[in-house]
Amino acid sequence: MADYLILFAIVLGVNLMPAFGPPTWSVIVVYGINTKMPVPALVLVAASAAATGRFLLAQCLQIAQSEQMHLLITDTE
């Protein structure tokens, strides 16, 4: 169970980086080589973490952008 949580955290962290992070597939391959996890479970956990990370990144950037627009609008008044 700990292997799954560690993989999830690593892939999530990689996908929260907006730029200059390693590709997700390379993280999955390295982790798969170094553990005895079954491949289907490895792919499902990593895909879930990648999708969650990209979603959270998009939400955070959207919030930051709306706050920036709010600041621009209030500064011009």
PDB file of N, CA and C in Angstrom:
ATOM      1  N   MET A   1       0.821  -1.192   0.000  1.00  0.00           N
ATOM      2  CA  MET A   1       0.000   0.000   0.000  1.00  0.00           C
ATOM      3  C   MET A   1       0.863   1.253   0.000  1.00  0.00           C
ATOM      4  N   ALA A   2       1.964   1.226   0.723  1.00  0.00           N
ATOM      5  CA  ALA A   2       2.855   2.386   0.781  1.00  0.00           C
ATOM      6  C   ALA A   2       3.447   2.697  -0.583  1.00  0.00           C
ATOM      7  N   ASP A   3       3.744   1.638  -1.374  1.00  0.00           N
ATOM      8  CA  ASP A   3       4.288   1.861  -2.718  1.00  0.00           C
ATOM      9  C   ASP A   3       3.314   2.652  -3.589  1.00  0.00           C
ATOM     10  N   TYR A   4       2.029   2.351  -3.459  1.00  0.00           N
ATOM     11  CA  TYR A   4       1.024   3.056  -4.250  1.00  0.00           C
ATOM     12  C   TYR A   4       0.932   4.527  -3.837  1.00  0.00           C
ATOM     13  N   LEU A   5       0.984   4.785  -2.548  1.00  0.00           N
ATOM     14  CA  LEU A   5       0.907   6.163  -2.063  1.00  0.00           C
ATOM     15  C   LEU A   5       2.146   6.969  -2.455  1.00  0.00           C
ATOM     16  N   ILE A   6       3.298   6.337  -2.395  1.00  0.00           N
ATOM     17  CA  ILE A   6       4.532   7.013  -2.801  1.00  0.00           C
ATOM     18  C   ILE A   6       4.493   7.344  -4.286  1.00  0.00           C
ATOM     19  N   LEU A   7       4.069   6.390  -5.103  1.00  0.00           N
ATOM     20  CA  LEU A   7       3.949   6.638  -6.544  1.00  0.00           C
ATOM     21  C   LEU A   7       2.966   7.760  -6.809  1.00  0.00           C
ATOM     22  N   PHE A   8       1.816   7.724  -6.134  1.00  0.00           N
ATOM     23  CA  PHE A   8       0.806   8.760  -6.321  1.00  0.00           C
ATOM     24  C   PHE A   8       1.387  10.134  -5.981  1.00  0.00           C
ATOM     25  N   ALA A   9       2.092  10.229  -4.857  1.00  0.00           N
ATOM     26  CA  ALA A   9       2.664  11.515  -4.428  1.00  0.00           C
ATOM     27  C   ALA A   9       3.723  12.020  -5.408  1.00  0.00           C
ATOM     28  N   ILE A  10       4.567  11.133  -5.896  1.00  0.00           N
ATOM     29  CA  ILE A  10       5.621  11.536  -6.835  1.00  0.00           C
ATOM     30  C   ILE A  10       5.010  12.038  -8.138  1.00  0.00           C
ATOM     31  N   VAL A  11       4.085  11.274  -8.699  1.00  0.00           N
ATOM     32  CA  VAL A  11       3.475  11.659  -9.974  1.00  0.00           C
ATOM     33  C   VAL A  11       2.635  12.921  -9.808  1.00  0.00           C
ATOM     34  N   LEU A  12       1.942  13.040  -8.694  1.00  0.00           N
ATOM     35  CA  LEU A  12       1.172  14.249  -8.423  1.00  0.00           C
ATOM     36  C   LEU A  12       2.099  15.467  -8.364  1.00  0.00           C
ATOM     37  N   GLY A  13       3.199  15.335  -7.651  1.00  0.00           N
ATOM     38  CA  GLY A  13       4.153  16.438  -7.546  1.00  0.00           C
ATOM     39  C   GLY A  13       4.747  16.831  -8.882  1.00  0.00           C
ATOM     40  N   VAL A  14       5.065  15.850  -9.699  1.00  0.00           N
ATOM     41  CA  VAL A  14       5.619  16.138 -11.027  1.00  0.00           C
ATOM     42  C   VAL A  14       4.600  16.879 -11.879  1.00  0.00           C
ATOM     43  N   ASN A  15       3.340  16.505 -11.782  1.00  0.00           N
ATOM     44  CA  ASN A  15       2.317  17.134 -12.600  1.00  0.00           C
ATOM     45  C   ASN A  15       1.826  18.459 -12.045  1.00  0.00           C
ATOM     46  N   LEU A  16       2.203  18.804 -10.834  1.00  0.00           N
ATOM     47  CA  LEU A  16       1.895  20.126 -10.299  1.00  0.00           C
ATOM     48  C   LEU A  16       2.904  21.176 -10.745  1.00  0.00           C
ATOM     49  N   MET A  17       4.023  20.733 -11.286  1.00  0.00           N
ATOM     50  CA  MET A  17       5.015  21.676 -11.801  1.00  0.00           C
ATOM     51  C   MET A  17       4.529  22.230 -13.137  1.00  0.00           C
ATOM     52  N   PRO A  18       4.489  23.568 -13.265  1.00  0.00           N
ATOM     53  CA  PRO A  18       3.991  24.126 -14.518  1.00  0.00           C
ATOM     54  C   PRO A  18       4.959  23.956 -15.694  1.00  0.00           C
ATOM     55  N   ALA A  19       6.243  23.816 -15.409  1.00  0.00           N
ATOM     56  CA  ALA A  19       7.221  23.658 -16.488  1.00  0.00           C
ATOM     57  C   ALA A  19       8.485  22.998 -15.939  1.00  0.00           C
ATOM     58  N   PHE A  20       9.263  22.474 -16.850  1.00  0.00           N
ATOM     59  CA  PHE A  20      10.585  21.920 -16.565  1.00  0.00           C
ATOM     60  C   PHE A  20      10.585  20.701 -15.647  1.00  0.00           C
ATOM     61  N   GLY A  21       9.497  19.979 -15.593  1.00  0.00           N
ATOM     62  CA  GLY A  21       9.449  18.733 -14.843  1.00  0.00           C
ATOM     63  C   GLY A  21       9.725  17.564 -15.773  1.00  0.00           C
ATOM     64  N   PRO A  22      10.093  16.432 -15.224  1.00  0.00           N
ATOM     65  CA  PRO A  22      10.317  15.268 -16.091  1.00  0.00           C
ATOM     66  C   PRO A  22       8.988  14.759 -16.644  1.00  0.00           C
ATOM     67  N   PRO A  23       9.022  14.092 -17.779  1.00  0.00           N
ATOM     68  CA  PRO A  23       7.787  13.523 -18.313  1.00  0.00           C
ATOM     69  C   PRO A  23       7.230  12.454 -17.367  1.00  0.00           C
ATOM     70  N   THR A  24       5.925  12.376 -17.293  1.00  0.00           N
ATOM     71  CA  THR A  24       5.278  11.426 -16.383  1.00  0.00           C
ATOM     72  C   THR A  24       5.661   9.993 -16.728  1.00  0.00           C
ATOM     73  N   TRP A  25       5.742   9.693 -18.013  1.00  0.00           N
ATOM     74  CA  TRP A  25       6.047   8.318 -18.402  1.00  0.00           C
ATOM     75  C   TRP A  25       7.412   7.878 -17.887  1.00  0.00           C
ATOM     76  N   SER A  26       8.373   8.801 -17.841  1.00  0.00           N
ATOM     77  CA  SER A  26       9.700   8.410 -17.354  1.00  0.00           C
ATOM     78  C   SER A  26       9.678   8.117 -15.853  1.00  0.00           C
ATOM     79  N   VAL A  27       8.875   8.850 -15.114  1.00  0.00           N
ATOM     80  CA  VAL A  27       8.733   8.588 -13.680  1.00  0.00           C
ATOM     81  C   VAL A  27       8.096   7.215 -13.467  1.00  0.00           C
ATOM     82  N   ILE A  28       7.079   6.914 -14.267  1.00  0.00           N
ATOM     83  CA  ILE A  28       6.394   5.619 -14.148  1.00  0.00           C
ATOM     84  C   ILE A  28       7.347   4.476 -14.471  1.00  0.00           C
ATOM     85  N   VAL A  29       8.144   4.630 -15.520  1.00  0.00           N
ATOM     86  CA  VAL A  29       9.085   3.567 -15.915  1.00  0.00           C
ATOM     87  C   VAL A  29      10.128   3.332 -14.833  1.00  0.00           C
ATOM     88  N   VAL A  30      10.718   4.397 -14.329  1.00  0.00           N
ATOM     89  CA  VAL A  30      11.752   4.251 -13.294  1.00  0.00           C
ATOM     90  C   VAL A  30      11.159   3.623 -12.034  1.00  0.00           C
ATOM     91  N   TYR A  31       9.975   4.076 -11.655  1.00  0.00           N
ATOM     92  CA  TYR A  31       9.343   3.517 -10.459  1.00  0.00           C
ATOM     93  C   TYR A  31       8.985   2.048 -10.680  1.00  0.00           C
ATOM     94  N   GLY A  32       8.494   1.729 -11.865  1.00  0.00           N
ATOM     95  CA  GLY A  32       8.135   0.344 -12.170  1.00  0.00           C
ATOM     96  C   GLY A  32       9.330  -0.592 -12.174  1.00  0.00           C
ATOM     97  N   ILE A  33      10.462  -0.103 -12.632  1.00  0.00           N
ATOM     98  CA  ILE A  33      11.682  -0.918 -12.646  1.00  0.00           C
ATOM     99  C   ILE A  33      12.174  -1.186 -11.225  1.00  0.00           C
ATOM    100  N   ASN A  34      12.023  -0.196 -10.356  1.00  0.00           N
ATOM    101  CA  ASN A  34      12.563  -0.305  -8.995  1.00  0.00           C
ATOM    102  C   ASN A  34      11.611  -0.925  -7.987  1.00  0.00           C
ATOM    103  N   THR A  35      10.397  -1.252  -8.382  1.00  0.00           N
ATOM    104  CA  THR A  35       9.454  -1.901  -7.477  1.00  0.00           C
ATOM    105  C   THR A  35       8.890  -3.151  -8.125  1.00  0.00           C
ATOM    106  N   LYS A  36       8.156  -3.897  -7.368  1.00  0.00           N
ATOM    107  CA  LYS A  36       7.530  -5.128  -7.863  1.00  0.00           C
ATOM    108  C   LYS A  36       6.032  -4.943  -8.092  1.00  0.00           C
ATOM    109  N   MET A  37       5.600  -3.709  -8.309  1.00  0.00           N
ATOM    110  CA  MET A  37       4.177  -3.444  -8.502  1.00  0.00           C
ATOM    111  C   MET A  37       3.700  -4.020  -9.826  1.00  0.00           C
ATOM    112  N   PRO A  38       2.489  -4.565  -9.864  1.00  0.00           N
ATOM    113  CA  PRO A  38       1.942  -5.032 -11.133  1.00  0.00           C
ATOM    114  C   PRO A  38       1.686  -3.835 -12.061  1.00  0.00           C
ATOM    115  N   VAL A  39       1.950  -4.032 -13.326  1.00  0.00           N
ATOM    116  CA  VAL A  39       1.871  -2.942 -14.301  1.00  0.00           C
ATOM    117  C   VAL A  39       0.481  -2.304 -14.375  1.00  0.00           C
ATOM    118  N   PRO A  40      -0.623  -3.072 -14.410  1.00  0.00           N
ATOM    119  CA  PRO A  40      -1.933  -2.403 -14.472  1.00  0.00           C
ATOM    120  C   PRO A  40      -2.194  -1.483 -13.280  1.00  0.00           C
ATOM    121  N   ALA A  41      -1.809  -1.916 -12.091  1.00  0.00           N
ATOM    122  CA  ALA A  41      -1.989  -1.080 -10.898  1.00  0.00           C
ATOM    123  C   ALA A  41      -1.094   0.152 -10.975  1.00  0.00           C
ATOM    124  N   LEU A  42       0.115  -0.038 -11.445  1.00  0.00           N
ATOM    125  CA  LEU A  42       1.057   1.065 -11.604  1.00  0.00           C
ATOM    126  C   LEU A  42       0.484   2.132 -12.537  1.00  0.00           C
ATOM    127  N   VAL A  43      -0.058   1.704 -13.653  1.00  0.00           N
ATOM    128  CA  VAL A  43      -0.610   2.634 -14.639  1.00  0.00           C
ATOM    129  C   VAL A  43      -1.854   3.334 -14.098  1.00  0.00           C
ATOM    130  N   LEU A  44      -2.735   2.607 -13.421  1.00  0.00           N
ATOM    131  CA  LEU A  44      -3.951   3.218 -12.889  1.00  0.00           C
ATOM    132  C   LEU A  44      -3.648   4.267 -11.820  1.00  0.00           C
ATOM    133  N   VAL A  45      -2.737   3.946 -10.922  1.00  0.00           N
ATOM    134  CA  VAL A  45      -2.381   4.896  -9.863  1.00  0.00           C
ATOM    135  C   VAL A  45      -1.697   6.123 -10.467  1.00  0.00           C
ATOM    136  N   ALA A  46      -0.774   5.899 -11.385  1.00  0.00           N
ATOM    137  CA  ALA A  46      -0.047   7.015 -11.990  1.00  0.00           C
ATOM    138  C   ALA A  46      -0.970   7.883 -12.848  1.00  0.00           C
ATOM    139  N   ALA A  47      -1.874   7.280 -13.587  1.00  0.00           N
ATOM    140  CA  ALA A  47      -2.802   8.060 -14.411  1.00  0.00           C
ATOM    141  C   ALA A  47      -3.738   8.888 -13.537  1.00  0.00           C
ATOM    142  N   SER A  48      -4.198   8.313 -12.444  1.00  0.00           N
ATOM    143  CA  SER A  48      -5.056   9.063 -11.518  1.00  0.00           C
ATOM    144  C   SER A  48      -4.306  10.237 -10.909  1.00  0.00           C
ATOM    145  N   ALA A  49      -3.074  10.008 -10.515  1.00  0.00           N
ATOM    146  CA  ALA A  49      -2.272  11.076  -9.927  1.00  0.00           C
ATOM    147  C   ALA A  49      -1.956  12.159 -10.951  1.00  0.00           C
ATOM    148  N   ALA A  50      -1.646  11.761 -12.185  1.00  0.00           N
ATOM    149  CA  ALA A  50      -1.340  12.741 -13.230  1.00  0.00           C
ATOM    150  C   ALA A  50      -2.555  13.606 -13.547  1.00  0.00           C
ATOM    151  N   ALA A  51      -3.703  12.979 -13.666  1.00  0.00           N
ATOM    152  CA  ALA A  51      -4.927  13.736 -13.955  1.00  0.00           C
ATOM    153  C   ALA A  51      -5.269  14.677 -12.804  1.00  0.00           C
ATOM    154  N   THR A  52      -5.106  14.207 -11.585  1.00  0.00           N
ATOM    155  CA  THR A  52      -5.376  15.047 -10.414  1.00  0.00           C
ATOM    156  C   THR A  52      -4.397  16.219 -10.359  1.00  0.00           C
ATOM    157  N   GLY A  53      -3.143  15.958 -10.621  1.00  0.00           N
ATOM    158  CA  GLY A  53      -2.136  17.018 -10.606  1.00  0.00           C
ATOM    159  C   GLY A  53      -2.393  18.077 -11.650  1.00  0.00           C
ATOM    160  N   ARG A  54      -2.725  17.663 -12.873  1.00  0.00           N
ATOM    161  CA  ARG A  54      -3.020  18.637 -13.935  1.00  0.00           C
ATOM    162  C   ARG A  54      -4.279  19.431 -13.622  1.00  0.00           C
ATOM    163  N   PHE A  55      -5.274  18.777 -13.050  1.00  0.00           N
ATOM    164  CA  PHE A  55      -6.510  19.468 -12.684  1.00  0.00           C
ATOM    165  C   PHE A  55      -6.233  20.517 -11.607  1.00  0.00           C
ATOM    166  N   LEU A  56      -5.476  20.141 -10.574  1.00  0.00           N
ATOM    167  CA  LEU A  56      -5.155  21.083  -9.497  1.00  0.00           C
ATOM    168  C   LEU A  56      -4.300  22.245 -10.008  1.00  0.00           C
ATOM    169  N   LEU A  57      -3.370  21.948 -10.910  1.00  0.00           N
ATOM    170  CA  LEU A  57      -2.555  23.003 -11.495  1.00  0.00           C
ATOM    171  C   LEU A  57      -3.425  23.985 -12.268  1.00  0.00           C
ATOM    172  N   ALA A  58      -4.353  23.471 -13.057  1.00  0.00           N
ATOM    173  CA  ALA A  58      -5.251  24.335 -13.823  1.00  0.00           C
ATOM    174  C   ALA A  58      -6.120  25.179 -12.900  1.00  0.00           C
ATOM    175  N   GLN A  59      -6.622  24.583 -11.835  1.00  0.00           N
ATOM    176  CA  GLN A  59      -7.459  25.325 -10.890  1.00  0.00           C
ATOM    177  C   GLN A  59      -6.661  26.423 -10.195  1.00  0.00           C
ATOM    178  N   CYS A  60      -5.453  26.119  -9.769  1.00  0.00           N
ATOM    179  CA  CYS A  60      -4.618  27.118  -9.104  1.00  0.00           C
ATOM    180  C   CYS A  60      -4.273  28.266 -10.039  1.00  0.00           C
ATOM    181  N   LEU A  61      -3.943  27.947 -11.291  1.00  0.00           N
ATOM    182  CA  LEU A  61      -3.627  28.997 -12.251  1.00  0.00           C
ATOM    183  C   LEU A  61      -4.849  29.836 -12.582  1.00  0.00           C
ATOM    184  N   GLN A  62      -6.000  29.218 -12.635  1.00  0.00           N
ATOM    185  CA  GLN A  62      -7.235  29.955 -12.904  1.00  0.00           C
ATOM    186  C   GLN A  62      -7.545  30.917 -11.751  1.00  0.00           C
ATOM    187  N   ILE A  63      -7.352  30.467 -10.528  1.00  0.00           N
ATOM    188  CA  ILE A  63      -7.570  31.335  -9.365  1.00  0.00           C
ATOM    189  C   ILE A  63      -6.571  32.488  -9.377  1.00  0.00           C
ATOM    190  N   ALA A  64      -5.310  32.186  -9.653  1.00  0.00           N
ATOM    191  CA  ALA A  64      -4.285  33.229  -9.691  1.00  0.00           C
ATOM    192  C   ALA A  64      -4.588  34.248 -10.788  1.00  0.00           C
ATOM    193  N   GLN A  65      -5.040  33.765 -11.931  1.00  0.00           N
ATOM    194  CA  GLN A  65      -5.359  34.669 -13.037  1.00  0.00           C
ATOM    195  C   GLN A  65      -6.549  35.559 -12.693  1.00  0.00           C
ATOM    196  N   SER A  66      -7.580  35.005 -12.072  1.00  0.00           N
ATOM    197  CA  SER A  66      -8.746  35.813 -11.729  1.00  0.00           C
ATOM    198  C   SER A  66      -8.396  36.848 -10.659  1.00  0.00           C
ATOM    199  N   GLU A  67      -7.516  36.499  -9.724  1.00  0.00           N
ATOM    200  CA  GLU A  67      -7.083  37.469  -8.722  1.00  0.00           C
ATOM    201  C   GLU A  67      -6.248  38.570  -9.360  1.00  0.00           C
ATOM    202  N   GLN A  68      -5.427  38.197 -10.325  1.00  0.00           N
ATOM    203  CA  GLN A  68      -4.618  39.190 -11.022  1.00  0.00           C
ATOM    204  C   GLN A  68      -5.513  40.139 -11.817  1.00  0.00           C
ATOM    205  N   MET A  69      -6.533  39.608 -12.472  1.00  0.00           N
ATOM    206  CA  MET A  69      -7.465  40.447 -13.222  1.00  0.00           C
ATOM    207  C   MET A  69      -8.223  41.363 -12.263  1.00  0.00           C
ATOM    208  N   HIS A  70      -8.582  40.841 -11.107  1.00  0.00           N
ATOM    209  CA  HIS A  70      -9.293  41.655 -10.119  1.00  0.00           C
ATOM    210  C   HIS A  70      -8.409  42.815  -9.660  1.00  0.00           C
ATOM    211  N   LEU A  71      -7.127  42.533  -9.451  1.00  0.00           N
ATOM    212  CA  LEU A  71      -6.207  43.589  -9.037  1.00  0.00           C
ATOM    213  C   LEU A  71      -6.035  44.633 -10.133  1.00  0.00           C
ATOM    214  N   LEU A  72      -5.979  44.196 -11.392  1.00  0.00           N
ATOM    215  CA  LEU A  72      -5.854  45.148 -12.492  1.00  0.00           C
ATOM    216  C   LEU A  72      -7.082  46.031 -12.614  1.00  0.00           C
ATOM    217  N   ILE A  73      -8.242  45.452 -12.414  1.00  0.00           N
ATOM    218  CA  ILE A  73      -9.481  46.225 -12.524  1.00  0.00           C
ATOM    219  C   ILE A  73      -9.586  47.236 -11.385  1.00  0.00           C
ATOM    220  N   THR A  74      -9.252  46.837 -10.184  1.00  0.00           N
ATOM    221  CA  THR A  74      -9.377  47.747  -9.037  1.00  0.00           C
ATOM    222  C   THR A  74      -8.283  48.823  -9.052  1.00  0.00           C
ATOM    223  N   ASP A  75      -7.120  48.549  -9.648  1.00  0.00           N
ATOM    224  CA  ASP A  75      -6.052  49.540  -9.720  1.00  0.00           C
ATOM    225  C   ASP A  75      -6.379  50.653 -10.709  1.00  0.00           C
ATOM    226  N   THR A  76      -7.146  50.367 -11.737  1.00  0.00           N
ATOM    227  CA  THR A  76      -7.444  51.370 -12.745  1.00  0.00           C
ATOM    228  C   THR A  76      -8.592  52.282 -12.343  1.00  0.00           C
ATOM    229  N   GLU A  77      -9.323  51.935 -11.323  1.00  0.00           N
ATOM    230  CA  GLU A  77     -10.471  52.755 -10.891  1.00  0.00           C
ATOM    231  C   GLU A  77     -10.060  53.898 -10.026  1.00  0.00           C
TER     232      GLU A  77
END
